[in-house]
Amino acid sequence: MRNHADIYETTLLDFRDHLKLERSMSPHTIAAYTGDVRKYFDLLRADGIAPENASIDEISRFLEAQVSAGITKRSQSRIISSVKALYRFLDAEGKLGENPCDKLATPKINPYLPTVLSVEEVLAILESVDLSQPEGHRNRCILEVLYSCGLRVSELVNLKISDLFLDEQFIRVFGKGSKQRLVPIGEPAIKAIRLYREIRAAGPVQKAAEDILFLNRRGGKLTREMIFHIVKEQTAAAGIQKNVSPHTFRHSFATHLVENGADLRVVQQMLGHESILTTEIYTHVDTRKWQETILKYHPNRT
């Protein structure tokens, strides 16, 4: 029987990074979700089944085992959420032919609504960057591109100079599954890129990273973790208390477009979403905003 141990560990690490960098979950929630998935992988490992090849039968056996162990209904709900999150991640990565959780009955839970920055908060974070520091212009450029183009953090760190078409005001992005899309880029981000490239040219550049736009101080490609650190650092410097990650800029980009009347199909294309249903979350975010406004100002409020 084939040993899939490396597959389980690699998938678990990638899933954890996804929860942290893409979903901006708290350390406590990440620990709970990865703990649930690790237990699920123990069952798959015993049968030699890779996560992407599992069916609803394996998931049901796992859930039945957890219920038999006497866990609470709240824990049952969380475990189901953990497994569904795992398969949403694998599906988004293009690793599933069919999502086994599509057949999984789950308790009704509140929809996930992402953290969103206001325009003023985005500007505060951008302006918090100390441009007198060696990495200042690079960091400002990173934040400008995240917000201007709504990129995933993986798309940002892999962005190449050869994919920049600044005179035409768009960039070429290779998203999940190496799918290519063209994304418009605004003038502030273009200006930041041109200024950063002048500074970049004066520093070290490793041979393997010659075409990579954003480099670390040694001239190599930045890691996803480094982008996460930059965003956290500048958010704190701006005095913003929200739980902000690189993906928050993507959520804010999309939400602000929807709030200003952008067609949902256009936003879907710019974000690189396979399904319009994924993009529709931003209509819920917009709805939440005006709902809060109505409840705050309605004359009959208590």
C-alpha atoms as a PDB file:
ATOM      1  CA  MET A   1       0.000   0.000   0.000  1.00  0.00           C
ATOM      2  CA  ARG A   2       1.347   3.409  -0.940  1.00  0.00           C
ATOM      3  CA  ASN A   3       2.663   5.584   1.902  1.00  0.00           C
ATOM      4  CA  HIS A   4       1.007   9.011   1.831  1.00  0.00           C
ATOM      5  CA  ALA A   5       2.632  10.357   5.022  1.00  0.00           C
ATOM      6  CA  ASP A   6       4.397  13.187   3.177  1.00  0.00           C
ATOM      7  CA  ILE A   7       1.117  14.157   1.502  1.00  0.00           C
ATOM      8  CA  TYR A   8      -0.672  14.477   4.846  1.00  0.00           C
ATOM      9  CA  GLU A   9       1.999  16.658   6.451  1.00  0.00           C
ATOM     10  CA  THR A  10       2.467  18.856   3.390  1.00  0.00           C
ATOM     11  CA  THR A  11      -1.288  19.321   2.993  1.00  0.00           C
ATOM     12  CA  LEU A  12      -1.701  20.132   6.681  1.00  0.00           C
ATOM     13  CA  LEU A  13       1.055  22.776   6.557  1.00  0.00           C
ATOM     14  CA  ASP A  14      -0.405  24.338   3.401  1.00  0.00           C
ATOM     15  CA  PHE A  15      -3.876  24.323   4.967  1.00  0.00           C
ATOM     16  CA  ARG A  16      -2.544  26.024   8.101  1.00  0.00           C
ATOM     17  CA  ASP A  17      -0.876  28.733   6.002  1.00  0.00           C
ATOM     18  CA  HIS A  18      -4.146  29.218   4.125  1.00  0.00           C
ATOM     19  CA  LEU A  19      -6.085  29.727   7.358  1.00  0.00           C
ATOM     20  CA  LYS A  20      -3.518  32.221   8.612  1.00  0.00           C
ATOM     21  CA  LEU A  21      -2.669  34.171   5.475  1.00  0.00           C
ATOM     22  CA  GLU A  22      -5.804  33.859   3.358  1.00  0.00           C
ATOM     23  CA  ARG A  23      -8.563  33.550   5.972  1.00  0.00           C
ATOM     24  CA  SER A  24      -6.928  35.668   8.717  1.00  0.00           C
ATOM     25  CA  MET A  25      -8.106  33.264  11.409  1.00  0.00           C
ATOM     26  CA  SER A  26      -6.986  33.654  15.004  1.00  0.00           C
ATOM     27  CA  PRO A  27      -4.204  31.380  16.346  1.00  0.00           C
ATOM     28  CA  HIS A  28      -6.790  29.624  18.549  1.00  0.00           C
ATOM     29  CA  THR A  29      -9.095  28.841  15.605  1.00  0.00           C
ATOM     30  CA  ILE A  30      -6.181  27.739  13.428  1.00  0.00           C
ATOM     31  CA  ALA A  31      -5.025  25.349  16.160  1.00  0.00           C
ATOM     32  CA  ALA A  32      -8.551  23.927  16.489  1.00  0.00           C
ATOM     33  CA  TYR A  33      -9.042  23.458  12.732  1.00  0.00           C
ATOM     34  CA  THR A  34      -5.627  21.901  12.137  1.00  0.00           C
ATOM     35  CA  GLY A  35      -6.105  19.650  15.176  1.00  0.00           C
ATOM     36  CA  ASP A  36      -9.394  18.396  13.730  1.00  0.00           C
ATOM     37  CA  VAL A  37      -7.872  17.830  10.313  1.00  0.00           C
ATOM     38  CA  ARG A  38      -4.879  16.010  11.817  1.00  0.00           C
ATOM     39  CA  LYS A  39      -7.280  13.537  13.469  1.00  0.00           C
ATOM     40  CA  TYR A  40      -9.095  13.122  10.158  1.00  0.00           C
ATOM     41  CA  PHE A  41      -5.777  12.470   8.405  1.00  0.00           C
ATOM     42  CA  ASP A  42      -4.994   9.752  10.969  1.00  0.00           C
ATOM     43  CA  LEU A  43      -8.028   7.858   9.704  1.00  0.00           C
ATOM     44  CA  LEU A  44      -7.037   8.371   6.061  1.00  0.00           C
ATOM     45  CA  ARG A  45      -3.436   7.390   6.774  1.00  0.00           C
ATOM     46  CA  ALA A  46      -4.566   4.102   8.306  1.00  0.00           C
ATOM     47  CA  ASP A  47      -6.362   3.255   5.056  1.00  0.00           C
ATOM     48  CA  GLY A  48      -3.678   4.688   2.762  1.00  0.00           C
ATOM     49  CA  ILE A  49      -6.059   7.226   1.218  1.00  0.00           C
ATOM     50  CA  ALA A  50      -4.750  10.625   0.114  1.00  0.00           C
ATOM     51  CA  PRO A  51      -6.922  13.574   1.268  1.00  0.00           C
ATOM     52  CA  GLU A  52      -7.902  14.531  -2.276  1.00  0.00           C
ATOM     53  CA  ASN A  53      -9.030  10.950  -3.008  1.00  0.00           C
ATOM     54  CA  ALA A  54     -11.279  10.591   0.045  1.00  0.00           C
ATOM     55  CA  SER A  55     -15.028  10.238  -0.348  1.00  0.00           C
ATOM     56  CA  ILE A  56     -18.049  11.094   1.766  1.00  0.00           C
ATOM     57  CA  ASP A  57     -17.744   7.584   3.250  1.00  0.00           C
ATOM     58  CA  GLU A  58     -14.382   8.356   4.880  1.00  0.00           C
ATOM     59  CA  ILE A  59     -15.647  11.701   6.161  1.00  0.00           C
ATOM     60  CA  SER A  60     -18.777  10.066   7.604  1.00  0.00           C
ATOM     61  CA  ARG A  61     -16.730   7.362   9.348  1.00  0.00           C
ATOM     62  CA  PHE A  62     -14.526  10.040  10.882  1.00  0.00           C
ATOM     63  CA  LEU A  63     -17.489  12.068  12.112  1.00  0.00           C
ATOM     64  CA  GLU A  64     -19.211   8.984  13.520  1.00  0.00           C
ATOM     65  CA  ALA A  65     -16.043   8.105  15.441  1.00  0.00           C
ATOM     66  CA  GLN A  66     -15.897  11.589  16.941  1.00  0.00           C
ATOM     67  CA  VAL A  67     -19.572  11.485  17.962  1.00  0.00           C
ATOM     68  CA  SER A  68     -19.060   8.052  19.537  1.00  0.00           C
ATOM     69  CA  ALA A  69     -16.216   9.550  21.599  1.00  0.00           C
ATOM     70  CA  GLY A  70     -18.813  11.767  23.284  1.00  0.00           C
ATOM     71  CA  ILE A  71     -17.929  15.210  21.924  1.00  0.00           C
ATOM     72  CA  THR A  72     -20.417  18.051  22.324  1.00  0.00           C
ATOM     73  CA  LYS A  73     -22.674  19.301  19.537  1.00  0.00           C
ATOM     74  CA  ARG A  74     -20.623  22.478  19.420  1.00  0.00           C
ATOM     75  CA  SER A  75     -17.458  20.436  18.849  1.00  0.00           C
ATOM     76  CA  GLN A  76     -19.254  18.396  16.187  1.00  0.00           C
ATOM     77  CA  SER A  77     -20.159  21.603  14.373  1.00  0.00           C
ATOM     78  CA  ARG A  78     -16.572  22.847  14.553  1.00  0.00           C
ATOM     79  CA  ILE A  79     -15.150  19.554  13.251  1.00  0.00           C
ATOM     80  CA  ILE A  80     -17.538  19.639  10.301  1.00  0.00           C
ATOM     81  CA  SER A  81     -16.476  23.243   9.631  1.00  0.00           C
ATOM     82  CA  SER A  82     -12.816  22.185   9.792  1.00  0.00           C
ATOM     83  CA  VAL A  83     -13.252  19.387   7.261  1.00  0.00           C
ATOM     84  CA  LYS A  84     -15.346  21.563   4.961  1.00  0.00           C
ATOM     85  CA  ALA A  85     -12.687  24.298   5.149  1.00  0.00           C
ATOM     86  CA  LEU A  86     -10.034  21.724   4.227  1.00  0.00           C
ATOM     87  CA  TYR A  87     -11.933  20.623   1.123  1.00  0.00           C
ATOM     88  CA  ARG A  88     -12.781  24.182   0.098  1.00  0.00           C
ATOM     89  CA  PHE A  89      -9.040  24.837   0.230  1.00  0.00           C
ATOM     90  CA  LEU A  90      -8.180  21.719  -1.796  1.00  0.00           C
ATOM     91  CA  ASP A  91     -10.912  22.569  -4.299  1.00  0.00           C
ATOM     92  CA  ALA A  92      -9.615  26.134  -4.715  1.00  0.00           C
ATOM     93  CA  GLU A  93      -6.136  24.704  -5.274  1.00  0.00           C
ATOM     94  CA  GLY A  94      -7.494  22.606  -8.151  1.00  0.00           C
ATOM     95  CA  LYS A  95      -6.783  19.279  -6.420  1.00  0.00           C
ATOM     96  CA  LEU A  96     -10.326  17.879  -6.387  1.00  0.00           C
ATOM     97  CA  GLY A  97     -12.392  16.346  -9.126  1.00  0.00           C
ATOM     98  CA  GLU A  98     -15.423  16.482  -6.857  1.00  0.00           C
ATOM     99  CA  ASN A  99     -15.782  17.969  -3.396  1.00  0.00           C
ATOM    100  CA  PRO A 100     -16.928  15.146  -1.059  1.00  0.00           C
ATOM    101  CA  CYS A 101     -18.316  17.711   1.381  1.00  0.00           C
ATOM    102  CA  ASP A 102     -20.965  18.710  -1.169  1.00  0.00           C
ATOM    103  CA  LYS A 103     -22.918  15.687   0.104  1.00  0.00           C
ATOM    104  CA  LEU A 104     -22.266  16.416   3.760  1.00  0.00           C
ATOM    105  CA  ALA A 105     -25.212  17.642   5.802  1.00  0.00           C
ATOM    106  CA  THR A 106     -24.066  20.302   8.235  1.00  0.00           C
ATOM    107  CA  PRO A 107     -25.687  22.422  10.935  1.00  0.00           C
ATOM    108  CA  LYS A 108     -26.696  25.908   9.842  1.00  0.00           C
ATOM    109  CA  ILE A 109     -23.927  28.329  10.718  1.00  0.00           C
ATOM    110  CA  ASN A 110     -23.411  32.031  10.147  1.00  0.00           C
ATOM    111  CA  PRO A 111     -21.669  32.787   6.830  1.00  0.00           C
ATOM    112  CA  TYR A 112     -18.022  33.781   6.927  1.00  0.00           C
ATOM    113  CA  LEU A 113     -17.716  37.541   6.495  1.00  0.00           C
ATOM    114  CA  PRO A 114     -14.176  38.832   6.039  1.00  0.00           C
ATOM    115  CA  THR A 115     -12.558  41.738   7.832  1.00  0.00           C
ATOM    116  CA  VAL A 116     -12.679  44.819   5.612  1.00  0.00           C
ATOM    117  CA  LEU A 117     -10.778  48.086   5.886  1.00  0.00           C
ATOM    118  CA  SER A 118     -12.370  51.421   5.110  1.00  0.00           C
ATOM    119  CA  VAL A 119     -10.738  53.602   2.467  1.00  0.00           C
ATOM    120  CA  GLU A 120      -9.477  55.846   5.256  1.00  0.00           C
ATOM    121  CA  GLU A 121      -7.909  52.887   7.063  1.00  0.00           C
ATOM    122  CA  VAL A 122      -6.184  51.714   3.872  1.00  0.00           C
ATOM    123  CA  LEU A 123      -4.736  55.198   3.370  1.00  0.00           C
ATOM    124  CA  ALA A 124      -3.610  55.312   7.007  1.00  0.00           C
ATOM    125  CA  ILE A 125      -1.715  52.038   6.588  1.00  0.00           C
ATOM    126  CA  LEU A 126      -0.099  53.231   3.352  1.00  0.00           C
ATOM    127  CA  GLU A 127       0.953  56.514   4.917  1.00  0.00           C
ATOM    128  CA  SER A 128       2.355  54.769   8.002  1.00  0.00           C
ATOM    129  CA  VAL A 129       5.306  53.407   6.014  1.00  0.00           C
ATOM    130  CA  ASP A 130       8.596  55.107   6.906  1.00  0.00           C
ATOM    131  CA  LEU A 131      10.090  55.907   3.498  1.00  0.00           C
ATOM    132  CA  SER A 132      13.405  56.886   5.080  1.00  0.00           C
ATOM    133  CA  GLN A 133      14.058  53.230   5.936  1.00  0.00           C
ATOM    134  CA  PRO A 134      15.884  50.972   3.415  1.00  0.00           C
ATOM    135  CA  GLU A 135      12.817  48.796   2.749  1.00  0.00           C
ATOM    136  CA  GLY A 136      10.309  51.657   3.000  1.00  0.00           C
ATOM    137  CA  HIS A 137       9.589  52.161  -0.696  1.00  0.00           C
ATOM    138  CA  ARG A 138       9.393  48.394  -1.255  1.00  0.00           C
ATOM    139  CA  ASN A 139       6.913  47.960   1.579  1.00  0.00           C
ATOM    140  CA  ARG A 140       4.807  50.903   0.419  1.00  0.00           C
ATOM    141  CA  CYS A 141       4.801  49.435  -3.091  1.00  0.00           C
ATOM    142  CA  ILE A 142       3.721  46.020  -1.773  1.00  0.00           C
ATOM    143  CA  LEU A 143       0.751  47.562   0.039  1.00  0.00           C
ATOM    144  CA  GLU A 144      -0.194  49.706  -2.963  1.00  0.00           C
ATOM    145  CA  VAL A 145      -0.222  46.671  -5.280  1.00  0.00           C
ATOM    146  CA  LEU A 146      -2.164  44.508  -2.811  1.00  0.00           C
ATOM    147  CA  TYR A 147      -4.916  47.099  -2.608  1.00  0.00           C
ATOM    148  CA  SER A 148      -4.853  48.320  -6.211  1.00  0.00           C
ATOM    149  CA  CYS A 149      -5.052  44.837  -7.748  1.00  0.00           C
ATOM    150  CA  GLY A 150      -6.644  42.643  -5.072  1.00  0.00           C
ATOM    151  CA  LEU A 151      -3.921  40.008  -5.335  1.00  0.00           C
ATOM    152  CA  ARG A 152      -3.573  36.875  -3.257  1.00  0.00           C
ATOM    153  CA  VAL A 153      -0.332  36.874  -1.256  1.00  0.00           C
ATOM    154  CA  SER A 154       1.004  33.970  -3.363  1.00  0.00           C
ATOM    155  CA  GLU A 155       0.325  35.990  -6.528  1.00  0.00           C
ATOM    156  CA  LEU A 156       2.120  38.995  -5.066  1.00  0.00           C
ATOM    157  CA  VAL A 157       5.350  37.190  -4.127  1.00  0.00           C
ATOM    158  CA  ASN A 158       5.471  35.548  -7.572  1.00  0.00           C
ATOM    159  CA  LEU A 159       4.733  38.739  -9.521  1.00  0.00           C
ATOM    160  CA  LYS A 160       7.346  39.208 -12.261  1.00  0.00           C
ATOM    161  CA  ILE A 161       8.714  42.335 -13.871  1.00  0.00           C
ATOM    162  CA  SER A 162       7.908  40.783 -17.248  1.00  0.00           C
ATOM    163  CA  ASP A 163       4.239  40.655 -16.190  1.00  0.00           C
ATOM    164  CA  LEU A 164       4.046  44.423 -15.702  1.00  0.00           C
ATOM    165  CA  PHE A 165       2.480  46.473 -18.488  1.00  0.00           C
ATOM    166  CA  LEU A 166       2.439  49.811 -16.724  1.00  0.00           C
ATOM    167  CA  ASP A 167       2.064  52.020 -19.790  1.00  0.00           C
ATOM    168  CA  GLU A 168      -1.126  50.080 -20.588  1.00  0.00           C
ATOM    169  CA  GLN A 169      -2.128  50.146 -16.886  1.00  0.00           C
ATOM    170  CA  PHE A 170      -2.511  46.430 -16.256  1.00  0.00           C
ATOM    171  CA  ILE A 171      -0.536  43.496 -14.892  1.00  0.00           C
ATOM    172  CA  ARG A 172      -0.601  39.806 -15.772  1.00  0.00           C
ATOM    173  CA  VAL A 173      -1.303  37.507 -12.835  1.00  0.00           C
ATOM    174  CA  PHE A 174      -0.965  33.744 -12.587  1.00  0.00           C
ATOM    175  CA  GLY A 175      -3.445  32.554  -9.993  1.00  0.00           C
ATOM    176  CA  LYS A 176      -4.504  29.208  -8.616  1.00  0.00           C
ATOM    177  CA  GLY A 177      -3.936  26.361 -11.030  1.00  0.00           C
ATOM    178  CA  SER A 178      -1.571  28.652 -13.007  1.00  0.00           C
ATOM    179  CA  LYS A 179      -4.600  30.342 -14.564  1.00  0.00           C
ATOM    180  CA  GLN A 180      -3.729  33.669 -16.157  1.00  0.00           C
ATOM    181  CA  ARG A 181      -5.717  36.858 -15.834  1.00  0.00           C
ATOM    182  CA  LEU A 182      -5.159  40.526 -16.622  1.00  0.00           C
ATOM    183  CA  VAL A 183      -5.801  43.004 -13.806  1.00  0.00           C
ATOM    184  CA  PRO A 184      -5.961  46.812 -14.140  1.00  0.00           C
ATOM    185  CA  ILE A 185      -3.590  48.733 -11.904  1.00  0.00           C
ATOM    186  CA  GLY A 186      -4.119  52.252 -10.594  1.00  0.00           C
ATOM    187  CA  GLU A 187      -1.814  55.230 -10.905  1.00  0.00           C
ATOM    188  CA  PRO A 188      -0.667  55.289  -7.233  1.00  0.00           C
ATOM    189  CA  ALA A 189       0.507  51.669  -7.515  1.00  0.00           C
ATOM    190  CA  ILE A 190       2.173  52.345 -10.874  1.00  0.00           C
ATOM    191  CA  LYS A 191       4.034  55.294  -9.417  1.00  0.00           C
ATOM    192  CA  ALA A 192       5.113  53.190  -6.415  1.00  0.00           C
ATOM    193  CA  ILE A 193       6.378  50.377  -8.664  1.00  0.00           C
ATOM    194  CA  ARG A 194       8.440  52.726 -10.821  1.00  0.00           C
ATOM    195  CA  LEU A 195      10.024  54.356  -7.797  1.00  0.00           C
ATOM    196  CA  TYR A 196      10.728  51.001  -6.131  1.00  0.00           C
ATOM    197  CA  ARG A 197      12.299  49.587  -9.298  1.00  0.00           C
ATOM    198  CA  GLU A 198      14.844  52.391  -9.323  1.00  0.00           C
ATOM    199  CA  ILE A 199      15.804  51.522  -5.756  1.00  0.00           C
ATOM    200  CA  ARG A 200      15.683  47.776  -6.485  1.00  0.00           C
ATOM    201  CA  ALA A 201      18.177  48.183  -9.345  1.00  0.00           C
ATOM    202  CA  ALA A 202      20.797  49.543  -6.939  1.00  0.00           C
ATOM    203  CA  GLY A 203      20.657  46.527  -4.616  1.00  0.00           C
ATOM    204  CA  PRO A 204      21.702  42.855  -4.848  1.00  0.00           C
ATOM    205  CA  VAL A 205      19.657  40.563  -7.082  1.00  0.00           C
ATOM    206  CA  GLN A 206      20.048  36.789  -6.982  1.00  0.00           C
ATOM    207  CA  LYS A 207      20.161  35.092 -10.367  1.00  0.00           C
ATOM    208  CA  ALA A 208      17.044  33.020  -9.672  1.00  0.00           C
ATOM    209  CA  ALA A 209      15.107  36.186  -8.776  1.00  0.00           C
ATOM    210  CA  GLU A 210      16.140  38.512 -11.603  1.00  0.00           C
ATOM    211  CA  ASP A 211      12.569  38.712 -12.950  1.00  0.00           C
ATOM    212  CA  ILE A 212      10.837  38.727  -9.537  1.00  0.00           C
ATOM    213  CA  LEU A 213       9.512  42.175  -8.621  1.00  0.00           C
ATOM    214  CA  PHE A 214       9.639  42.146  -4.835  1.00  0.00           C
ATOM    215  CA  LEU A 215      12.964  41.134  -3.273  1.00  0.00           C
ATOM    216  CA  ASN A 216      14.319  40.770   0.240  1.00  0.00           C
ATOM    217  CA  ARG A 217      17.476  42.574   1.350  1.00  0.00           C
ATOM    218  CA  ARG A 218      19.612  39.691   0.053  1.00  0.00           C
ATOM    219  CA  GLY A 219      18.107  39.965  -3.413  1.00  0.00           C
ATOM    220  CA  GLY A 220      15.930  36.859  -3.189  1.00  0.00           C
ATOM    221  CA  LYS A 221      12.175  36.375  -3.488  1.00  0.00           C
ATOM    222  CA  LEU A 222      10.122  37.412  -0.487  1.00  0.00           C
ATOM    223  CA  THR A 223       8.203  34.755   1.416  1.00  0.00           C
ATOM    224  CA  ARG A 224       4.482  34.806   2.172  1.00  0.00           C
ATOM    225  CA  GLU A 225       5.355  35.067   5.868  1.00  0.00           C
ATOM    226  CA  MET A 226       7.390  38.215   5.221  1.00  0.00           C
ATOM    227  CA  ILE A 227       4.433  39.868   3.470  1.00  0.00           C
ATOM    228  CA  PHE A 228       2.254  38.917   6.433  1.00  0.00           C
ATOM    229  CA  HIS A 229       4.803  40.509   8.794  1.00  0.00           C
ATOM    230  CA  ILE A 230       4.966  43.733   6.756  1.00  0.00           C
ATOM    231  CA  VAL A 231       1.179  44.088   6.762  1.00  0.00           C
ATOM    232  CA  LYS A 232       0.929  43.427  10.506  1.00  0.00           C
ATOM    233  CA  GLU A 233       3.729  45.887  11.257  1.00  0.00           C
ATOM    234  CA  GLN A 234       2.205  48.703   9.208  1.00  0.00           C
ATOM    235  CA  THR A 235      -1.281  48.067  10.551  1.00  0.00           C
ATOM    236  CA  ALA A 236       0.064  48.481  14.085  1.00  0.00           C
ATOM    237  CA  ALA A 237       1.974  51.596  13.036  1.00  0.00           C
ATOM    238  CA  ALA A 238      -1.269  53.073  11.685  1.00  0.00           C
ATOM    239  CA  GLY A 239      -2.990  52.419  15.025  1.00  0.00           C
ATOM    240  CA  ILE A 240      -5.624  50.118  13.523  1.00  0.00           C
ATOM    241  CA  GLN A 241      -6.971  47.457  15.888  1.00  0.00           C
ATOM    242  CA  LYS A 242      -8.560  45.145  13.302  1.00  0.00           C
ATOM    243  CA  ASN A 243      -7.112  41.699  12.546  1.00  0.00           C
ATOM    244  CA  VAL A 244      -5.486  42.623   9.227  1.00  0.00           C
ATOM    245  CA  SER A 245      -3.608  40.274   6.892  1.00  0.00           C
ATOM    246  CA  PRO A 246      -2.512  40.532   3.237  1.00  0.00           C
ATOM    247  CA  HIS A 247      -5.848  39.003   2.278  1.00  0.00           C
ATOM    248  CA  THR A 248      -7.663  41.842   4.048  1.00  0.00           C
ATOM    249  CA  PHE A 249      -6.443  44.172   1.290  1.00  0.00           C
ATOM    250  CA  ARG A 250      -7.960  41.801  -1.280  1.00  0.00           C
ATOM    251  CA  HIS A 251     -11.266  41.769   0.611  1.00  0.00           C
ATOM    252  CA  SER A 252     -11.191  45.558   0.927  1.00  0.00           C
ATOM    253  CA  PHE A 253     -10.387  45.993  -2.782  1.00  0.00           C
ATOM    254  CA  ALA A 254     -13.383  43.852  -3.773  1.00  0.00           C
ATOM    255  CA  THR A 255     -15.761  45.358  -1.214  1.00  0.00           C
ATOM    256  CA  HIS A 256     -14.947  48.926  -2.226  1.00  0.00           C
ATOM    257  CA  LEU A 257     -15.536  48.042  -5.889  1.00  0.00           C
ATOM    258  CA  VAL A 258     -18.948  46.528  -5.080  1.00  0.00           C
ATOM    259  CA  GLU A 259     -19.869  49.471  -2.849  1.00  0.00           C
ATOM    260  CA  ASN A 260     -19.091  51.839  -5.714  1.00  0.00           C
ATOM    261  CA  GLY A 261     -21.298  49.952  -8.167  1.00  0.00           C
ATOM    262  CA  ALA A 262     -18.870  47.628  -9.971  1.00  0.00           C
ATOM    263  CA  ASP A 263     -20.473  44.716 -11.795  1.00  0.00           C
ATOM    264  CA  LEU A 264     -20.071  41.502  -9.793  1.00  0.00           C
ATOM    265  CA  ARG A 265     -18.895  39.592 -12.885  1.00  0.00           C
ATOM    266  CA  VAL A 266     -16.101  42.114 -13.411  1.00  0.00           C
ATOM    267  CA  VAL A 267     -15.038  41.787  -9.776  1.00  0.00           C
ATOM    268  CA  GLN A 268     -15.118  37.996 -10.172  1.00  0.00           C
ATOM    269  CA  GLN A 269     -12.755  38.182 -13.154  1.00  0.00           C
ATOM    270  CA  MET A 270     -10.374  40.566 -11.401  1.00  0.00           C
ATOM    271  CA  LEU A 271     -10.192  38.329  -8.324  1.00  0.00           C
ATOM    272  CA  GLY A 272      -9.772  35.167 -10.382  1.00  0.00           C
ATOM    273  CA  HIS A 273     -12.735  33.398  -8.774  1.00  0.00           C
ATOM    274  CA  GLU A 274     -13.955  30.248 -10.513  1.00  0.00           C
ATOM    275  CA  SER A 275     -17.519  30.748  -9.324  1.00  0.00           C
ATOM    276  CA  ILE A 276     -19.604  33.899  -8.998  1.00  0.00           C
ATOM    277  CA  LEU A 277     -20.884  32.415  -5.715  1.00  0.00           C
ATOM    278  CA  THR A 278     -17.464  33.019  -4.159  1.00  0.00           C
ATOM    279  CA  THR A 279     -17.562  36.664  -5.211  1.00  0.00           C
ATOM    280  CA  GLU A 280     -21.076  37.141  -3.850  1.00  0.00           C
ATOM    281  CA  ILE A 281     -19.705  37.260  -0.307  1.00  0.00           C
ATOM    282  CA  TYR A 282     -18.844  40.897  -0.999  1.00  0.00           C
ATOM    283  CA  THR A 283     -22.504  41.709  -1.514  1.00  0.00           C
ATOM    284  CA  HIS A 284     -23.101  40.369   2.012  1.00  0.00           C
ATOM    285  CA  VAL A 285     -20.309  42.566   3.363  1.00  0.00           C
ATOM    286  CA  ASP A 286     -21.895  45.560   1.635  1.00  0.00           C
ATOM    287  CA  THR A 287     -25.299  44.579   3.036  1.00  0.00           C
ATOM    288  CA  ARG A 288     -23.835  44.346   6.536  1.00  0.00           C
ATOM    289  CA  LYS A 289     -22.531  47.906   6.205  1.00  0.00           C
ATOM    290  CA  TRP A 290     -25.840  49.490   5.265  1.00  0.00           C
ATOM    291  CA  GLN A 291     -27.697  47.314   7.777  1.00  0.00           C
ATOM    292  CA  GLU A 292     -25.497  48.673  10.558  1.00  0.00           C
ATOM    293  CA  THR A 293     -26.101  52.214   9.281  1.00  0.00           C
ATOM    294  CA  ILE A 294     -29.893  51.733   9.290  1.00  0.00           C
ATOM    295  CA  LEU A 295     -29.886  50.231  12.795  1.00  0.00           C
ATOM    296  CA  LYS A 296     -27.702  53.093  14.032  1.00  0.00           C
ATOM    297  CA  TYR A 297     -29.760  55.937  12.596  1.00  0.00           C
ATOM    298  CA  HIS A 298     -33.296  54.544  12.425  1.00  0.00           C
ATOM    299  CA  PRO A 299     -35.625  56.733  14.574  1.00  0.00           C
ATOM    300  CA  ASN A 300     -37.231  53.672  16.195  1.00  0.00           C
ATOM    301  CA  ARG A 301     -33.971  52.186  17.445  1.00  0.00           C
ATOM    302  CA  THR A 302     -33.786  51.445  21.158  1.00  0.00           C
END
